[in-house]
């Protein structure tokens, strides 16, 4: 593990989080820092032939990618900067503390963006803005990333899957057309703008469809009122009789083969 780069990533992530609108999303714990550093490695691997930025040996453990070495490096790294520490009760292991970058430190870390690839910084900005300190959403997202989807618990993650050549040549791997393609800053901004516009159109169309369906439901129920008379209750009784004897409550044990972790059902959209 490259401790110098890890420390700088921790500072950068806390700096980017300090820019969030919601004060709660400015406070990150160990789980958040670890997952964001993993995502930085993921983005770096896309444009560096599957190599990672931090050289961390990531492992599939519990709630996603994990590194005990990285976890133990967080607090030593924070000793060199000014942070507020917030203690709380969390739902996840190792999620009982949050750190927030103090305002006086904000400007001093702004230049850290220039020390990493533009693609990595841009991705981190988007991820941190989207997930903030939302632990469940962040864990769900990283769990579904390519290196995780082709690994089993306790295995070390293979980032070579992010190499464009590997992705295009092996149909067993999840395919993402944009992986491995390094584009100019101008082009990337144009793509992001187009994607946001498309997303807005899709959301608008979806909202219109939902409203249309809601009106249909309201009209249907308005014109079809249920009359709870004797015939209604007799009909329910007949349905219960036709169903036969109620099922008995019993306990069963389900055994699932470990082969499921290597199954295409984990990442093939046609099977999932």
Protein backbone atom coordinates (compact mmCIF):
# COMPACT_ATOMS: atom_id res chain seq x y z
CA UNK A 1 0.00 0.00 0.00
CA UNK A 2 1.24 3.47 -0.91
CA UNK A 3 0.67 5.30 2.39
CA UNK A 4 1.48 8.74 0.98
CA UNK A 5 -1.18 8.46 -1.72
CA UNK A 6 -3.64 6.93 0.73
CA UNK A 7 -3.19 9.85 3.14
CA UNK A 8 -3.67 12.39 0.36
CA UNK A 9 -6.79 10.58 -0.82
CA UNK A 10 -8.22 10.68 2.71
CA UNK A 11 -7.60 14.43 2.87
CA UNK A 12 -9.06 14.96 -0.60
CA UNK A 13 -12.18 12.92 0.19
CA UNK A 14 -12.82 14.85 3.42
CA UNK A 15 -12.25 18.10 1.51
CA UNK A 16 -14.76 17.15 -1.19
CA UNK A 17 -17.24 16.04 1.48
CA UNK A 18 -16.90 19.45 3.17
CA UNK A 19 -18.41 20.96 0.00
CA UNK A 20 -21.69 19.02 0.37
CA UNK A 21 -24.84 21.04 1.06
CA UNK A 22 -26.19 18.77 3.79
CA UNK A 23 -24.09 19.03 6.96
CA UNK A 24 -24.57 15.30 7.63
CA UNK A 25 -22.88 14.44 4.33
CA UNK A 26 -19.80 16.41 5.39
CA UNK A 27 -19.16 13.85 8.13
CA UNK A 28 -17.56 10.59 7.00
CA UNK A 29 -16.63 7.47 8.93
CA UNK A 30 -14.10 4.68 8.28
CA UNK A 31 -16.53 2.75 6.05
CA UNK A 32 -17.12 5.77 3.82
CA UNK A 33 -13.43 6.64 3.50
CA UNK A 34 -12.55 3.04 2.64
CA UNK A 35 -15.26 2.70 0.00
CA UNK A 36 -14.43 6.06 -1.61
CA UNK A 37 -10.75 5.10 -1.78
CA UNK A 38 -11.82 1.83 -3.40
CA UNK A 39 -13.82 3.80 -5.98
CA UNK A 40 -10.76 5.98 -6.62
CA UNK A 41 -8.75 2.82 -7.33
CA UNK A 42 -11.55 1.60 -9.58
CA UNK A 43 -11.54 4.79 -11.66
CA UNK A 44 -7.74 4.79 -11.82
CA UNK A 45 -7.75 1.19 -13.06
CA UNK A 46 -10.02 2.16 -15.95
CA UNK A 47 -7.37 4.41 -17.47
CA UNK A 48 -4.20 2.61 -16.28
CA UNK A 49 -4.59 -0.92 -17.67
CA UNK A 50 -6.12 -2.39 -14.53
CA UNK A 51 -3.49 -1.00 -12.15
CA UNK A 52 -4.63 0.63 -8.90
CA UNK A 53 -3.62 4.00 -7.51
CA UNK A 54 -3.00 2.95 -3.90
CA UNK A 55 -1.57 -0.58 -4.46
CA UNK A 56 -3.98 -1.81 -1.78
CA UNK A 57 -4.79 -5.54 -1.74
CA UNK A 58 -8.56 -5.27 -1.73
CA UNK A 59 -10.55 -8.21 -0.38
CA UNK A 60 -14.23 -9.20 -0.63
CA UNK A 61 -15.18 -9.03 3.03
CA UNK A 62 -18.61 -8.62 4.70
CA UNK A 63 -20.11 -5.49 3.14
CA UNK A 64 -17.89 -5.21 0.09
CA UNK A 65 -14.26 -4.32 -0.69
CA UNK A 66 -12.10 -4.13 2.43
CA UNK A 67 -8.51 -3.69 3.55
CA UNK A 68 -7.43 -4.04 7.17
CA UNK A 69 -4.18 -2.24 6.33
CA UNK A 70 -6.12 0.74 5.01
CA UNK A 71 -8.46 0.74 8.01
CA UNK A 72 -5.50 0.89 10.38
CA UNK A 73 -3.98 3.77 8.40
CA UNK A 74 -6.97 6.13 8.70
CA UNK A 75 -6.49 7.39 12.25
CA UNK A 76 -2.71 7.90 11.88
CA UNK A 77 -3.39 9.94 8.72
CA UNK A 78 -5.93 12.11 10.53
CA UNK A 79 -3.40 13.06 13.21
CA UNK A 80 -1.74 15.44 10.75
CA UNK A 81 -4.86 17.51 9.99
CA UNK A 82 -7.54 19.40 11.91
CA UNK A 83 -10.80 17.42 12.08
CA UNK A 84 -13.86 17.33 14.30
CA UNK A 85 -14.63 13.86 15.64
CA UNK A 86 -18.25 12.85 16.17
CA UNK A 87 -19.08 9.65 18.06
CA UNK A 88 -22.35 7.85 17.35
CA UNK A 89 -24.05 4.45 17.39
CA UNK A 90 -23.94 2.82 13.96
CA UNK A 91 -25.68 -0.14 12.34
CA UNK A 92 -22.45 -1.49 10.89
CA UNK A 93 -19.21 -2.76 12.38
CA UNK A 94 -16.49 -0.09 12.44
CA UNK A 95 -19.08 2.64 11.83
CA UNK A 96 -19.30 4.43 15.17
CA UNK A 97 -17.31 7.58 14.42
CA UNK A 98 -17.47 10.40 11.91
CA UNK A 99 -14.82 12.95 10.96
CA UNK A 100 -15.45 16.40 9.54
CA UNK A 101 -12.76 18.65 8.12
CA UNK A 102 -12.52 21.91 10.03
CA UNK A 103 -13.17 25.06 8.03
CA UNK A 104 -9.67 26.40 8.59
CA UNK A 105 -8.29 23.34 6.73
CA UNK A 106 -10.59 23.58 3.71
CA UNK A 107 -8.56 25.86 1.49
CA UNK A 108 -5.26 24.15 2.27
CA UNK A 109 -6.47 20.92 0.60
CA UNK A 110 -8.00 22.42 -2.53
CA UNK A 111 -4.74 21.92 -4.46
CA UNK A 112 -4.86 18.16 -3.81
CA UNK A 113 -7.15 17.83 -6.84
CA UNK A 114 -4.16 18.60 -9.08
CA UNK A 115 -2.20 15.63 -7.73
CA UNK A 116 -4.57 13.01 -9.16
CA UNK A 117 -5.90 12.19 -12.61
CA UNK A 118 -8.80 14.38 -13.66
CA UNK A 119 -10.99 11.31 -14.20
CA UNK A 120 -10.38 10.08 -10.64
CA UNK A 121 -11.14 13.46 -9.04
CA UNK A 122 -14.25 13.99 -11.16
CA UNK A 123 -15.57 10.54 -10.26
CA UNK A 124 -14.92 11.11 -6.54
CA UNK A 125 -16.77 14.42 -6.69
CA UNK A 126 -19.78 12.73 -8.26
CA UNK A 127 -19.75 9.79 -5.83
CA UNK A 128 -19.32 11.93 -2.72
CA UNK A 129 -22.02 14.34 -3.85
CA UNK A 130 -24.39 11.45 -4.61
CA UNK A 131 -23.82 9.20 -1.58
CA UNK A 132 -22.28 11.50 1.05
CA UNK A 133 -22.50 9.61 4.35
CA UNK A 134 -25.36 7.34 3.20
CA UNK A 135 -23.80 4.05 4.25
CA UNK A 136 -26.40 1.67 2.82
CA UNK A 137 -26.55 3.27 -0.64
CA UNK A 138 -22.74 3.45 -0.85
CA UNK A 139 -22.32 -0.19 0.19
CA UNK A 140 -24.94 -1.30 -2.30
CA UNK A 141 -23.17 0.57 -5.10
CA UNK A 142 -19.64 -0.74 -4.45
CA UNK A 143 -20.99 -4.28 -4.00
CA UNK A 144 -22.21 -4.18 -7.62
CA UNK A 145 -18.92 -2.98 -9.16
CA UNK A 146 -17.20 -5.39 -11.63
CA UNK A 147 -14.34 -6.64 -9.38
CA UNK A 148 -16.88 -7.52 -6.68
CA UNK A 149 -19.33 -9.24 -9.01
CA UNK A 150 -16.79 -11.79 -10.22
CA UNK A 151 -15.36 -12.55 -6.76
CA UNK A 152 -16.39 -14.71 -3.82
CA UNK A 153 -16.16 -13.81 -0.10
CA UNK A 154 -12.60 -13.66 1.27
CA UNK A 155 -11.08 -13.54 -2.24
CA UNK A 156 -8.77 -10.70 -3.26
CA UNK A 157 -10.22 -8.46 -5.97
CA UNK A 158 -8.84 -8.45 -9.49
CA UNK A 159 -8.79 -4.95 -10.99
CA UNK A 160 -7.52 -6.19 -14.36
CA UNK A 161 -11.20 -6.62 -15.20
CA UNK A 162 -11.31 -2.84 -15.57
CA UNK A 163 -8.80 -3.07 -18.42
CA UNK A 164 -10.61 -2.26 -21.68
CA UNK A 165 -8.92 -5.16 -23.51
CA UNK A 166 -10.04 -7.73 -20.95
CA UNK A 167 -13.59 -6.41 -20.84
CA UNK A 168 -14.03 -6.47 -24.61
CA UNK A 169 -12.42 -9.89 -25.10
CA UNK A 170 -14.02 -11.95 -22.34
CA UNK A 171 -17.84 -12.24 -22.40
CA UNK A 172 -17.82 -13.67 -18.89
CA UNK A 173 -16.99 -10.22 -17.50
CA UNK A 174 -19.54 -7.44 -17.05
CA UNK A 175 -19.32 -5.08 -20.04
CA UNK A 176 -19.32 -1.30 -19.72
CA UNK A 177 -18.61 0.51 -22.98
CA UNK A 178 -16.95 3.49 -21.36
CA UNK A 179 -14.35 1.60 -19.32
CA UNK A 180 -10.74 2.22 -20.13
CA UNK A 181 -11.37 5.14 -22.47
CA UNK A 182 -9.52 8.29 -21.51
CA UNK A 183 -11.14 11.39 -22.95
CA UNK A 184 -10.44 15.09 -22.83
CA UNK A 185 -11.84 17.29 -20.07
CA UNK A 186 -13.97 19.19 -22.59
CA UNK A 187 -15.43 16.01 -24.06
CA UNK A 188 -16.13 14.56 -20.62
CA UNK A 189 -18.00 17.72 -19.56
CA UNK A 190 -20.07 17.55 -22.75
CA UNK A 191 -20.93 13.89 -22.06
CA UNK A 192 -21.89 14.64 -18.47
CA UNK A 193 -24.12 17.50 -19.64
CA UNK A 194 -25.82 15.25 -22.20
CA UNK A 195 -26.29 12.47 -19.65
CA UNK A 196 -27.86 14.85 -17.14
CA UNK A 197 -30.19 16.19 -19.84
CA UNK A 198 -31.18 12.66 -20.86
CA UNK A 199 -31.71 11.66 -17.25
CA UNK A 200 -33.99 14.67 -16.74
CA UNK A 201 -36.06 13.77 -19.79
CA UNK A 202 -36.41 10.18 -18.61
CA UNK A 203 -37.46 11.33 -15.14
CA UNK A 204 -40.00 13.76 -16.61
CA UNK A 205 -41.51 11.07 -18.83
CA UNK A 206 -41.62 8.64 -15.92
CA UNK A 207 -43.35 11.22 -13.74
CA UNK A 208 -45.98 11.84 -16.42
CA UNK A 209 -46.66 8.11 -16.73
CA UNK A 210 -46.99 7.75 -12.96
CA UNK A 211 -49.44 10.66 -12.81
CA UNK A 212 -51.45 9.19 -15.69
CA UNK A 213 -51.66 5.78 -13.99
CA UNK A 214 -52.66 7.44 -10.71
CA UNK A 215 -55.52 9.26 -12.42
CA UNK A 216 -56.72 5.99 -13.96
CA UNK A 217 -56.72 4.33 -10.55
CA UNK A 218 -58.61 7.19 -8.97
CA UNK A 219 -61.19 7.12 -11.76
CA UNK A 220 -61.58 3.34 -11.49
CA UNK A 221 -62.11 3.30 -7.73
CA UNK A 222 -64.43 6.29 -7.94
CA UNK A 223 -66.70 4.47 -10.39
CA UNK A 224 -66.40 1.04 -8.78
CA UNK A 225 -67.31 1.30 -5.14
CA UNK A 226 -67.24 -1.89 -3.05
CA UNK A 227 -70.51 -2.76 -1.31
CA UNK A 228 -69.86 -4.71 1.89
CA UNK A 229 -73.20 -6.58 1.96
CA UNK A 230 -74.13 -10.20 2.72
CA UNK A 231 -73.22 -11.34 -0.81
CA UNK A 232 -69.71 -9.87 -0.40
CA UNK A 233 -69.03 -11.78 2.82
CA UNK A 234 -70.48 -15.02 1.38
CA UNK A 235 -68.14 -14.67 -1.59
CA UNK A 236 -65.11 -14.32 0.71
CA UNK A 237 -66.18 -17.41 2.63
CA UNK A 238 -66.46 -19.43 -0.61
CA UNK A 239 -62.95 -18.37 -1.66
CA UNK A 240 -61.57 -19.44 1.73
CA UNK A 241 -63.29 -22.83 1.44
CA UNK A 242 -61.95 -23.36 -2.12
CA UNK A 243 -58.42 -22.65 -0.91
CA UNK A 244 -58.51 -25.73 1.29
CA UNK A 245 -56.80 -26.22 4.64
CA UNK A 246 -54.41 -23.45 5.74
CA UNK A 247 -50.69 -24.22 5.41
CA UNK A 248 -48.93 -25.42 8.53
CA UNK A 249 -46.12 -23.31 9.93
CA UNK A 250 -42.84 -25.23 9.83
CA UNK A 251 -39.10 -24.50 9.89
CA UNK A 252 -36.78 -25.47 7.04
CA UNK A 253 -33.05 -25.26 6.36
CA UNK A 254 -31.89 -24.00 2.95
CA UNK A 255 -28.37 -24.89 1.75
CA UNK A 256 -26.84 -22.76 -1.02
CA UNK A 257 -23.75 -23.88 -2.91
CA UNK A 258 -20.64 -21.67 -2.82
CA UNK A 259 -20.66 -21.88 -6.62
CA UNK A 260 -23.30 -19.14 -6.61
CA UNK A 261 -20.55 -16.53 -6.16
CA UNK A 262 -19.11 -17.41 -9.57
CA UNK A 263 -22.49 -17.68 -11.25
CA UNK A 264 -23.27 -15.44 -14.23
CA UNK A 265 -26.52 -14.57 -12.47
CA UNK A 266 -24.56 -12.13 -10.29
CA UNK A 267 -23.61 -9.86 -13.19
CA UNK A 268 -25.43 -10.96 -16.37
CA UNK A 269 -28.45 -8.62 -16.84
CA UNK A 270 -30.23 -11.28 -18.90
CA UNK A 271 -30.16 -13.66 -15.95
CA UNK A 272 -30.45 -11.33 -12.97
